[in-house]
Amino acid sequence: MEHVAHLARLRIPSDQIEMLTGQMNQILSYMEKLGELDTEGVEPTSHPVPLPTAWREDEVKASLDPEKALANAPERADQFVVVPKVIE
């Protein structure tokens, strides 16, 4: 658990390591059990129930007028919104 925590750059209090080790072992045991299942011929899915996609067809449309887009900007420079610097 300490090695995994180090790799994930996590600080784990020493009094929680034993509990988390047990939980990690339970997860790994469950993954081993799942690995025993025969999944031959099973199509991979992202959701257990078929759902219609929310994607729409791509259509070329007129862009938003830059003046309208920047109308409420607190500060602007040409056609850009000025934001505070966050990186030194």
PDB file of N, CA and C in Angstrom:
ATOM      1  N   MET A   1       0.833  -1.181   0.000  1.00  0.00           N
ATOM      2  CA  MET A   1       0.000   0.000   0.000  1.00  0.00           C
ATOM      3  C   MET A   1       0.882   1.250   0.000  1.00  0.00           C
ATOM      4  N   GLU A   2       1.968   1.207   0.740  1.00  0.00           N
ATOM      5  CA  GLU A   2       2.847   2.368   0.792  1.00  0.00           C
ATOM      6  C   GLU A   2       3.459   2.646  -0.582  1.00  0.00           C
ATOM      7  N   HIS A   3       3.799   1.596  -1.316  1.00  0.00           N
ATOM      8  CA  HIS A   3       4.367   1.763  -2.658  1.00  0.00           C
ATOM      9  C   HIS A   3       3.333   2.380  -3.603  1.00  0.00           C
ATOM     10  N   VAL A   4       2.106   1.877  -3.549  1.00  0.00           N
ATOM     11  CA  VAL A   4       1.034   2.424  -4.397  1.00  0.00           C
ATOM     12  C   VAL A   4       0.779   3.886  -4.031  1.00  0.00           C
ATOM     13  N   ALA A   5       0.762   4.192  -2.761  1.00  0.00           N
ATOM     14  CA  ALA A   5       0.551   5.566  -2.317  1.00  0.00           C
ATOM     15  C   ALA A   5       1.678   6.461  -2.826  1.00  0.00           C
ATOM     16  N   HIS A   6       2.894   5.960  -2.782  1.00  0.00           N
ATOM     17  CA  HIS A   6       4.035   6.735  -3.285  1.00  0.00           C
ATOM     18  C   HIS A   6       3.884   7.006  -4.779  1.00  0.00           C
ATOM     19  N   LEU A   7       3.501   5.974  -5.548  1.00  0.00           N
ATOM     20  CA  LEU A   7       3.318   6.144  -6.990  1.00  0.00           C
ATOM     21  C   LEU A   7       2.217   7.155  -7.306  1.00  0.00           C
ATOM     22  N   ALA A   8       1.174   7.160  -6.472  1.00  0.00           N
ATOM     23  CA  ALA A   8       0.050   8.073  -6.680  1.00  0.00           C
ATOM     24  C   ALA A   8       0.285   9.435  -6.037  1.00  0.00           C
ATOM     25  N   ARG A   9       1.446   9.589  -5.413  1.00  0.00           N
ATOM     26  CA  ARG A   9       1.800  10.840  -4.727  1.00  0.00           C
ATOM     27  C   ARG A   9       0.767  11.190  -3.650  1.00  0.00           C
ATOM     28  N   LEU A  10       0.408  10.159  -2.851  1.00  0.00           N
ATOM     29  CA  LEU A  10      -0.545  10.332  -1.764  1.00  0.00           C
ATOM     30  C   LEU A  10       0.151  10.158  -0.432  1.00  0.00           C
ATOM     31  N   ARG A  11      -0.249  10.946   0.531  1.00  0.00           N
ATOM     32  CA  ARG A  11       0.220  10.756   1.900  1.00  0.00           C
ATOM     33  C   ARG A  11      -0.886  10.044   2.658  1.00  0.00           C
ATOM     34  N   ILE A  12      -0.567   8.883   3.174  1.00  0.00           N
ATOM     35  CA  ILE A  12      -1.562   8.106   3.911  1.00  0.00           C
ATOM     36  C   ILE A  12      -1.096   8.004   5.353  1.00  0.00           C
ATOM     37  N   PRO A  13      -1.947   8.407   6.288  1.00  0.00           N
ATOM     38  CA  PRO A  13      -1.580   8.282   7.699  1.00  0.00           C
ATOM     39  C   PRO A  13      -1.289   6.825   8.042  1.00  0.00           C
ATOM     40  N   SER A  14      -0.290   6.601   8.863  1.00  0.00           N
ATOM     41  CA  SER A  14       0.151   5.245   9.186  1.00  0.00           C
ATOM     42  C   SER A  14      -0.954   4.413   9.829  1.00  0.00           C
ATOM     43  N   ASP A  15      -1.890   5.057  10.525  1.00  0.00           N
ATOM     44  CA  ASP A  15      -2.967   4.295  11.164  1.00  0.00           C
ATOM     45  C   ASP A  15      -4.030   3.826  10.160  1.00  0.00           C
ATOM     46  N   GLN A  16      -3.972   4.275   8.912  1.00  0.00           N
ATOM     47  CA  GLN A  16      -4.944   3.872   7.894  1.00  0.00           C
ATOM     48  C   GLN A  16      -4.363   2.870   6.894  1.00  0.00           C
ATOM     49  N   ILE A  17      -3.067   2.631   6.945  1.00  0.00           N
ATOM     50  CA  ILE A  17      -2.424   1.764   5.950  1.00  0.00           C
ATOM     51  C   ILE A  17      -2.980   0.341   6.019  1.00  0.00           C
ATOM     52  N   GLU A  18      -3.150  -0.190   7.210  1.00  0.00           N
ATOM     53  CA  GLU A  18      -3.649  -1.562   7.345  1.00  0.00           C
ATOM     54  C   GLU A  18      -5.062  -1.683   6.782  1.00  0.00           C
ATOM     55  N   MET A  19      -5.929  -0.718   7.095  1.00  0.00           N
ATOM     56  CA  MET A  19      -7.304  -0.745   6.593  1.00  0.00           C
ATOM     57  C   MET A  19      -7.313  -0.652   5.064  1.00  0.00           C
ATOM     58  N   LEU A  20      -6.520   0.262   4.507  1.00  0.00           N
ATOM     59  CA  LEU A  20      -6.480   0.431   3.057  1.00  0.00           C
ATOM     60  C   LEU A  20      -5.864  -0.770   2.364  1.00  0.00           C
ATOM     61  N   THR A  21      -4.900  -1.414   3.003  1.00  0.00           N
ATOM     62  CA  THR A  21      -4.314  -2.632   2.438  1.00  0.00           C
ATOM     63  C   THR A  21      -5.381  -3.711   2.322  1.00  0.00           C
ATOM     64  N   GLY A  22      -6.200  -3.854   3.336  1.00  0.00           N
ATOM     65  CA  GLY A  22      -7.297  -4.826   3.298  1.00  0.00           C
ATOM     66  C   GLY A  22      -8.284  -4.520   2.183  1.00  0.00           C
ATOM     67  N   GLN A  23      -8.629  -3.249   2.049  1.00  0.00           N
ATOM     68  CA  GLN A  23      -9.563  -2.854   0.988  1.00  0.00           C
ATOM     69  C   GLN A  23      -8.960  -3.094  -0.393  1.00  0.00           C
ATOM     70  N   MET A  24      -7.680  -2.797  -0.545  1.00  0.00           N
ATOM     71  CA  MET A  24      -7.010  -3.014  -1.832  1.00  0.00           C
ATOM     72  C   MET A  24      -6.980  -4.509  -2.152  1.00  0.00           C
ATOM     73  N   ASN A  25      -6.731  -5.352  -1.151  1.00  0.00           N
ATOM     74  CA  ASN A  25      -6.731  -6.797  -1.367  1.00  0.00           C
ATOM     75  C   ASN A  25      -8.112  -7.300  -1.791  1.00  0.00           C
ATOM     76  N   GLN A  26      -9.175  -6.731  -1.207  1.00  0.00           N
ATOM     77  CA  GLN A  26     -10.529  -7.114  -1.606  1.00  0.00           C
ATOM     78  C   GLN A  26     -10.788  -6.737  -3.066  1.00  0.00           C
ATOM     79  N   ILE A  27     -10.350  -5.571  -3.473  1.00  0.00           N
ATOM     80  CA  ILE A  27     -10.526  -5.125  -4.861  1.00  0.00           C
ATOM     81  C   ILE A  27      -9.773  -6.049  -5.809  1.00  0.00           C
ATOM     82  N   LEU A  28      -8.530  -6.364  -5.464  1.00  0.00           N
ATOM     83  CA  LEU A  28      -7.733  -7.239  -6.322  1.00  0.00           C
ATOM     84  C   LEU A  28      -8.325  -8.643  -6.403  1.00  0.00           C
ATOM     85  N   SER A  29      -8.858  -9.152  -5.291  1.00  0.00           N
ATOM     86  CA  SER A  29      -9.515 -10.467  -5.306  1.00  0.00           C
ATOM     87  C   SER A  29     -10.729 -10.445  -6.222  1.00  0.00           C
ATOM     88  N   TYR A  30     -11.486  -9.377  -6.170  1.00  0.00           N
ATOM     89  CA  TYR A  30     -12.664  -9.252  -7.031  1.00  0.00           C
ATOM     90  C   TYR A  30     -12.248  -9.193  -8.500  1.00  0.00           C
ATOM     91  N   MET A  31     -11.166  -8.474  -8.798  1.00  0.00           N
ATOM     92  CA  MET A  31     -10.683  -8.395 -10.174  1.00  0.00           C
ATOM     93  C   MET A  31     -10.226  -9.766 -10.659  1.00  0.00           C
ATOM     94  N   GLU A  32      -9.600 -10.556  -9.795  1.00  0.00           N
ATOM     95  CA  GLU A  32      -9.202 -11.913 -10.164  1.00  0.00           C
ATOM     96  C   GLU A  32     -10.432 -12.765 -10.474  1.00  0.00           C
ATOM     97  N   LYS A  33     -11.479 -12.611  -9.665  1.00  0.00           N
ATOM     98  CA  LYS A  33     -12.710 -13.364  -9.888  1.00  0.00           C
ATOM     99  C   LYS A  33     -13.321 -12.970 -11.238  1.00  0.00           C
ATOM    100  N   LEU A  34     -13.331 -11.675 -11.559  1.00  0.00           N
ATOM    101  CA  LEU A  34     -13.850 -11.221 -12.849  1.00  0.00           C
ATOM    102  C   LEU A  34     -13.018 -11.774 -14.000  1.00  0.00           C
ATOM    103  N   GLY A  35     -11.713 -11.909 -13.783  1.00  0.00           N
ATOM    104  CA  GLY A  35     -10.832 -12.441 -14.819  1.00  0.00           C
ATOM    105  C   GLY A  35     -11.112 -13.897 -15.149  1.00  0.00           C
ATOM    106  N   GLU A  36     -11.784 -14.606 -14.260  1.00  0.00           N
ATOM    107  CA  GLU A  36     -12.114 -16.013 -14.490  1.00  0.00           C
ATOM    108  C   GLU A  36     -13.332 -16.185 -15.402  1.00  0.00           C
ATOM    109  N   LEU A  37     -14.087 -15.125 -15.621  1.00  0.00           N
ATOM    110  CA  LEU A  37     -15.300 -15.221 -16.437  1.00  0.00           C
ATOM    111  C   LEU A  37     -14.961 -15.424 -17.899  1.00  0.00           C
ATOM    112  N   ASP A  38     -15.790 -16.202 -18.582  1.00  0.00           N
ATOM    113  CA  ASP A  38     -15.631 -16.413 -20.013  1.00  0.00           C
ATOM    114  C   ASP A  38     -16.317 -15.261 -20.742  1.00  0.00           C
ATOM    115  N   THR A  39     -15.546 -14.388 -21.344  1.00  0.00           N
ATOM    116  CA  THR A  39     -16.095 -13.248 -22.063  1.00  0.00           C
ATOM    117  C   THR A  39     -15.926 -13.390 -23.573  1.00  0.00           C
ATOM    118  N   GLU A  40     -15.640 -14.595 -24.023  1.00  0.00           N
ATOM    119  CA  GLU A  40     -15.474 -14.859 -25.452  1.00  0.00           C
ATOM    120  C   GLU A  40     -16.778 -14.531 -26.179  1.00  0.00           C
ATOM    121  N   GLY A  41     -16.698 -13.705 -27.200  1.00  0.00           N
ATOM    122  CA  GLY A  41     -17.870 -13.350 -27.999  1.00  0.00           C
ATOM    123  C   GLY A  41     -18.722 -12.245 -27.402  1.00  0.00           C
ATOM    124  N   VAL A  42     -18.335 -11.696 -26.267  1.00  0.00           N
ATOM    125  CA  VAL A  42     -19.092 -10.609 -25.648  1.00  0.00           C
ATOM    126  C   VAL A  42     -18.545  -9.291 -26.172  1.00  0.00           C
ATOM    127  N   GLU A  43     -19.411  -8.504 -26.778  1.00  0.00           N
ATOM    128  CA  GLU A  43     -18.992  -7.214 -27.312  1.00  0.00           C
ATOM    129  C   GLU A  43     -18.693  -6.246 -26.172  1.00  0.00           C
ATOM    130  N   PRO A  44     -17.584  -5.511 -26.266  1.00  0.00           N
ATOM    131  CA  PRO A  44     -17.310  -4.501 -25.234  1.00  0.00           C
ATOM    132  C   PRO A  44     -18.337  -3.372 -25.326  1.00  0.00           C
ATOM    133  N   THR A  45     -18.791  -2.922 -24.190  1.00  0.00           N
ATOM    134  CA  THR A  45     -19.761  -1.827 -24.147  1.00  0.00           C
ATOM    135  C   THR A  45     -19.330  -0.815 -23.100  1.00  0.00           C
ATOM    136  N   SER A  46     -19.825   0.389 -23.257  1.00  0.00           N
ATOM    137  CA  SER A  46     -19.540   1.418 -22.264  1.00  0.00           C
ATOM    138  C   SER A  46     -20.698   1.557 -21.288  1.00  0.00           C
ATOM    139  N   HIS A  47     -21.832   0.914 -21.603  1.00  0.00           N
ATOM    140  CA  HIS A  47     -23.006   1.002 -20.748  1.00  0.00           C
ATOM    141  C   HIS A  47     -23.766  -0.312 -20.864  1.00  0.00           C
ATOM    142  N   PRO A  48     -24.291  -0.837 -19.770  1.00  0.00           N
ATOM    143  CA  PRO A  48     -24.961  -2.136 -19.842  1.00  0.00           C
ATOM    144  C   PRO A  48     -26.281  -2.114 -20.615  1.00  0.00           C
ATOM    145  N   VAL A  49     -26.881  -0.938 -20.762  1.00  0.00           N
ATOM    146  CA  VAL A  49     -28.153  -0.818 -21.462  1.00  0.00           C
ATOM    147  C   VAL A  49     -27.942   0.012 -22.716  1.00  0.00           C
ATOM    148  N   PRO A  50     -28.402  -0.464 -23.886  1.00  0.00           N
ATOM    149  CA  PRO A  50     -28.220   0.343 -25.103  1.00  0.00           C
ATOM    150  C   PRO A  50     -28.975   1.670 -24.992  1.00  0.00           C
ATOM    151  N   LEU A  51     -28.282   2.747 -25.218  1.00  0.00           N
ATOM    152  CA  LEU A  51     -28.887   4.069 -25.153  1.00  0.00           C
ATOM    153  C   LEU A  51     -28.626   4.804 -26.461  1.00  0.00           C
ATOM    154  N   PRO A  52     -29.571   5.631 -26.893  1.00  0.00           N
ATOM    155  CA  PRO A  52     -29.288   6.428 -28.087  1.00  0.00           C
ATOM    156  C   PRO A  52     -28.204   7.452 -27.773  1.00  0.00           C
ATOM    157  N   THR A  53     -27.395   7.752 -28.754  1.00  0.00           N
ATOM    158  CA  THR A  53     -26.333   8.730 -28.524  1.00  0.00           C
ATOM    159  C   THR A  53     -26.902  10.139 -28.549  1.00  0.00           C
ATOM    160  N   ALA A  54     -26.249  11.005 -27.850  1.00  0.00           N
ATOM    161  CA  ALA A  54     -26.676  12.400 -27.804  1.00  0.00           C
ATOM    162  C   ALA A  54     -25.972  13.227 -28.866  1.00  0.00           C
ATOM    163  N   TRP A  55     -25.166  12.564 -29.702  1.00  0.00           N
ATOM    164  CA  TRP A  55     -24.421  13.294 -30.720  1.00  0.00           C
ATOM    165  C   TRP A  55     -25.346  13.768 -31.820  1.00  0.00           C
ATOM    166  N   ARG A  56     -25.087  14.931 -32.302  1.00  0.00           N
ATOM    167  CA  ARG A  56     -25.848  15.463 -33.430  1.00  0.00           C
ATOM    168  C   ARG A  56     -24.939  15.488 -34.647  1.00  0.00           C
ATOM    169  N   GLU A  57     -25.532  15.594 -35.789  1.00  0.00           N
ATOM    170  CA  GLU A  57     -24.760  15.696 -37.015  1.00  0.00           C
ATOM    171  C   GLU A  57     -24.032  17.037 -37.041  1.00  0.00           C
ATOM    172  N   ASP A  58     -22.823  17.037 -37.572  1.00  0.00           N
ATOM    173  CA  ASP A  58     -22.078  18.284 -37.723  1.00  0.00           C
ATOM    174  C   ASP A  58     -22.720  19.133 -38.807  1.00  0.00           C
ATOM    175  N   GLU A  59     -22.954  20.374 -38.485  1.00  0.00           N
ATOM    176  CA  GLU A  59     -23.523  21.308 -39.450  1.00  0.00           C
ATOM    177  C   GLU A  59     -22.717  22.601 -39.391  1.00  0.00           C
ATOM    178  N   VAL A  60     -22.470  23.168 -40.553  1.00  0.00           N
ATOM    179  CA  VAL A  60     -21.781  24.446 -40.605  1.00  0.00           C
ATOM    180  C   VAL A  60     -22.803  25.529 -40.298  1.00  0.00           C
ATOM    181  N   LYS A  61     -22.493  26.330 -39.289  1.00  0.00           N
ATOM    182  CA  LYS A  61     -23.389  27.428 -38.902  1.00  0.00           C
ATOM    183  C   LYS A  61     -22.558  28.687 -38.757  1.00  0.00           C
ATOM    184  N   ALA A  62     -23.231  29.804 -38.771  1.00  0.00           N
ATOM    185  CA  ALA A  62     -22.543  31.085 -38.598  1.00  0.00           C
ATOM    186  C   ALA A  62     -22.008  31.182 -37.173  1.00  0.00           C
ATOM    187  N   SER A  63     -20.825  31.739 -37.025  1.00  0.00           N
ATOM    188  CA  SER A  63     -20.228  31.922 -35.711  1.00  0.00           C
ATOM    189  C   SER A  63     -20.877  33.090 -34.994  1.00  0.00           C
ATOM    190  N   LEU A  64     -20.703  33.105 -33.683  1.00  0.00           N
ATOM    191  CA  LEU A  64     -21.202  34.210 -32.879  1.00  0.00           C
ATOM    192  C   LEU A  64     -20.378  35.447 -33.201  1.00  0.00           C
ATOM    193  N   ASP A  65     -21.040  36.563 -33.353  1.00  0.00           N
ATOM    194  CA  ASP A  65     -20.357  37.820 -33.643  1.00  0.00           C
ATOM    195  C   ASP A  65     -19.416  38.152 -32.476  1.00  0.00           C
ATOM    196  N   PRO A  66     -18.124  38.452 -32.763  1.00  0.00           N
ATOM    197  CA  PRO A  66     -17.171  38.750 -31.683  1.00  0.00           C
ATOM    198  C   PRO A  66     -17.628  39.883 -30.764  1.00  0.00           C
ATOM    199  N   GLU A  67     -18.271  40.880 -31.283  1.00  0.00           N
ATOM    200  CA  GLU A  67     -18.746  41.987 -30.431  1.00  0.00           C
ATOM    201  C   GLU A  67     -19.799  41.509 -29.441  1.00  0.00           C
ATOM    202  N   LYS A  68     -20.695  40.640 -29.890  1.00  0.00           N
ATOM    203  CA  LYS A  68     -21.707  40.092 -28.984  1.00  0.00           C
ATOM    204  C   LYS A  68     -21.054  39.167 -27.949  1.00  0.00           C
ATOM    205  N   ALA A  69     -20.093  38.365 -28.404  1.00  0.00           N
ATOM    206  CA  ALA A  69     -19.436  37.427 -27.497  1.00  0.00           C
ATOM    207  C   ALA A  69     -18.673  38.153 -26.396  1.00  0.00           C
ATOM    208  N   LEU A  70     -18.104  39.299 -26.707  1.00  0.00           N
ATOM    209  CA  LEU A  70     -17.289  40.044 -25.746  1.00  0.00           C
ATOM    210  C   LEU A  70     -18.049  41.182 -25.074  1.00  0.00           C
ATOM    211  N   ALA A  71     -19.319  41.311 -25.335  1.00  0.00           N
ATOM    212  CA  ALA A  71     -20.103  42.434 -24.813  1.00  0.00           C
ATOM    213  C   ALA A  71     -20.050  42.531 -23.293  1.00  0.00           C
ATOM    214  N   ASN A  72     -20.047  41.412 -22.586  1.00  0.00           N
ATOM    215  CA  ASN A  72     -20.060  41.433 -21.116  1.00  0.00           C
ATOM    216  C   ASN A  72     -18.695  41.132 -20.498  1.00  0.00           C
ATOM    217  N   ALA A  73     -17.664  41.079 -21.309  1.00  0.00           N
ATOM    218  CA  ALA A  73     -16.329  40.802 -20.771  1.00  0.00           C
ATOM    219  C   ALA A  73     -15.892  41.961 -19.887  1.00  0.00           C
ATOM    220  N   PRO A  74     -15.382  41.675 -18.686  1.00  0.00           N
ATOM    221  CA  PRO A  74     -14.958  42.751 -17.795  1.00  0.00           C
ATOM    222  C   PRO A  74     -13.790  43.553 -18.356  1.00  0.00           C
ATOM    223  N   GLU A  75     -12.910  42.872 -19.089  1.00  0.00           N
ATOM    224  CA  GLU A  75     -11.767  43.556 -19.702  1.00  0.00           C
ATOM    225  C   GLU A  75     -11.420  42.807 -20.979  1.00  0.00           C
ATOM    226  N   ARG A  76     -11.109  43.541 -22.026  1.00  0.00           N
ATOM    227  CA  ARG A  76     -10.780  42.898 -23.290  1.00  0.00           C
ATOM    228  C   ARG A  76      -9.619  43.602 -23.968  1.00  0.00           C
ATOM    229  N   ALA A  77      -8.960  42.867 -24.844  1.00  0.00           N
ATOM    230  CA  ALA A  77      -7.882  43.398 -25.664  1.00  0.00           C
ATOM    231  C   ALA A  77      -8.158  42.910 -27.089  1.00  0.00           C
ATOM    232  N   ASP A  78      -8.497  43.788 -27.961  1.00  0.00           N
ATOM    233  CA  ASP A  78      -8.910  43.457 -29.324  1.00  0.00           C
ATOM    234  C   ASP A  78     -10.099  42.495 -29.257  1.00  0.00           C
ATOM    235  N   GLN A  79      -9.934  41.286 -29.796  1.00  0.00           N
ATOM    236  CA  GLN A  79     -11.045  40.323 -29.786  1.00  0.00           C
ATOM    237  C   GLN A  79     -10.808  39.211 -28.760  1.00  0.00           C
ATOM    238  N   PHE A  80     -10.156  39.547 -27.651  1.00  0.00           N
ATOM    239  CA  PHE A  80      -9.846  38.563 -26.623  1.00  0.00           C
ATOM    240  C   PHE A  80     -10.301  39.070 -25.261  1.00  0.00           C
ATOM    241  N   VAL A  81     -10.631  38.132 -24.367  1.00  0.00           N
ATOM    242  CA  VAL A  81     -10.956  38.468 -22.988  1.00  0.00           C
ATOM    243  C   VAL A  81      -9.651  38.469 -22.205  1.00  0.00           C
ATOM    244  N   VAL A  82      -9.408  39.513 -21.419  1.00  0.00           N
ATOM    245  CA  VAL A  82      -8.214  39.595 -20.580  1.00  0.00           C
ATOM    246  C   VAL A  82      -8.537  38.911 -19.255  1.00  0.00           C
ATOM    247  N   VAL A  83      -7.669  37.955 -18.880  1.00  0.00           N
ATOM    248  CA  VAL A  83      -7.866  37.227 -17.621  1.00  0.00           C
ATOM    249  C   VAL A  83      -6.627  37.436 -16.748  1.00  0.00           C
ATOM    250  N   PRO A  84      -6.777  37.275 -15.429  1.00  0.00           N
ATOM    251  CA  PRO A  84      -5.632  37.437 -14.537  1.00  0.00           C
ATOM    252  C   PRO A  84      -4.567  36.373 -14.814  1.00  0.00           C
ATOM    253  N   LYS A  85      -3.327  36.747 -14.654  1.00  0.00           N
ATOM    254  CA  LYS A  85      -2.214  35.810 -14.828  1.00  0.00           C
ATOM    255  C   LYS A  85      -2.206  34.854 -13.644  1.00  0.00           C
ATOM    256  N   VAL A  86      -2.131  33.537 -13.939  1.00  0.00           N
ATOM    257  CA  VAL A  86      -2.143  32.547 -12.866  1.00  0.00           C
ATOM    258  C   VAL A  86      -0.846  31.762 -12.795  1.00  0.00           C
ATOM    259  N   ILE A  87       0.014  31.886 -13.788  1.00  0.00           N
ATOM    260  CA  ILE A  87       1.282  31.163 -13.817  1.00  0.00           C
ATOM    261  C   ILE A  87       2.410  32.192 -13.789  1.00  0.00           C
ATOM    262  N   GLU A  88       3.352  31.964 -12.898  1.00  0.00           N
ATOM    263  CA  GLU A  88       4.502  32.879 -12.804  1.00  0.00           C
ATOM    264  C   GLU A  88       5.505  32.590 -13.871  1.00  0.00           C
TER     265      GLU A  88
END
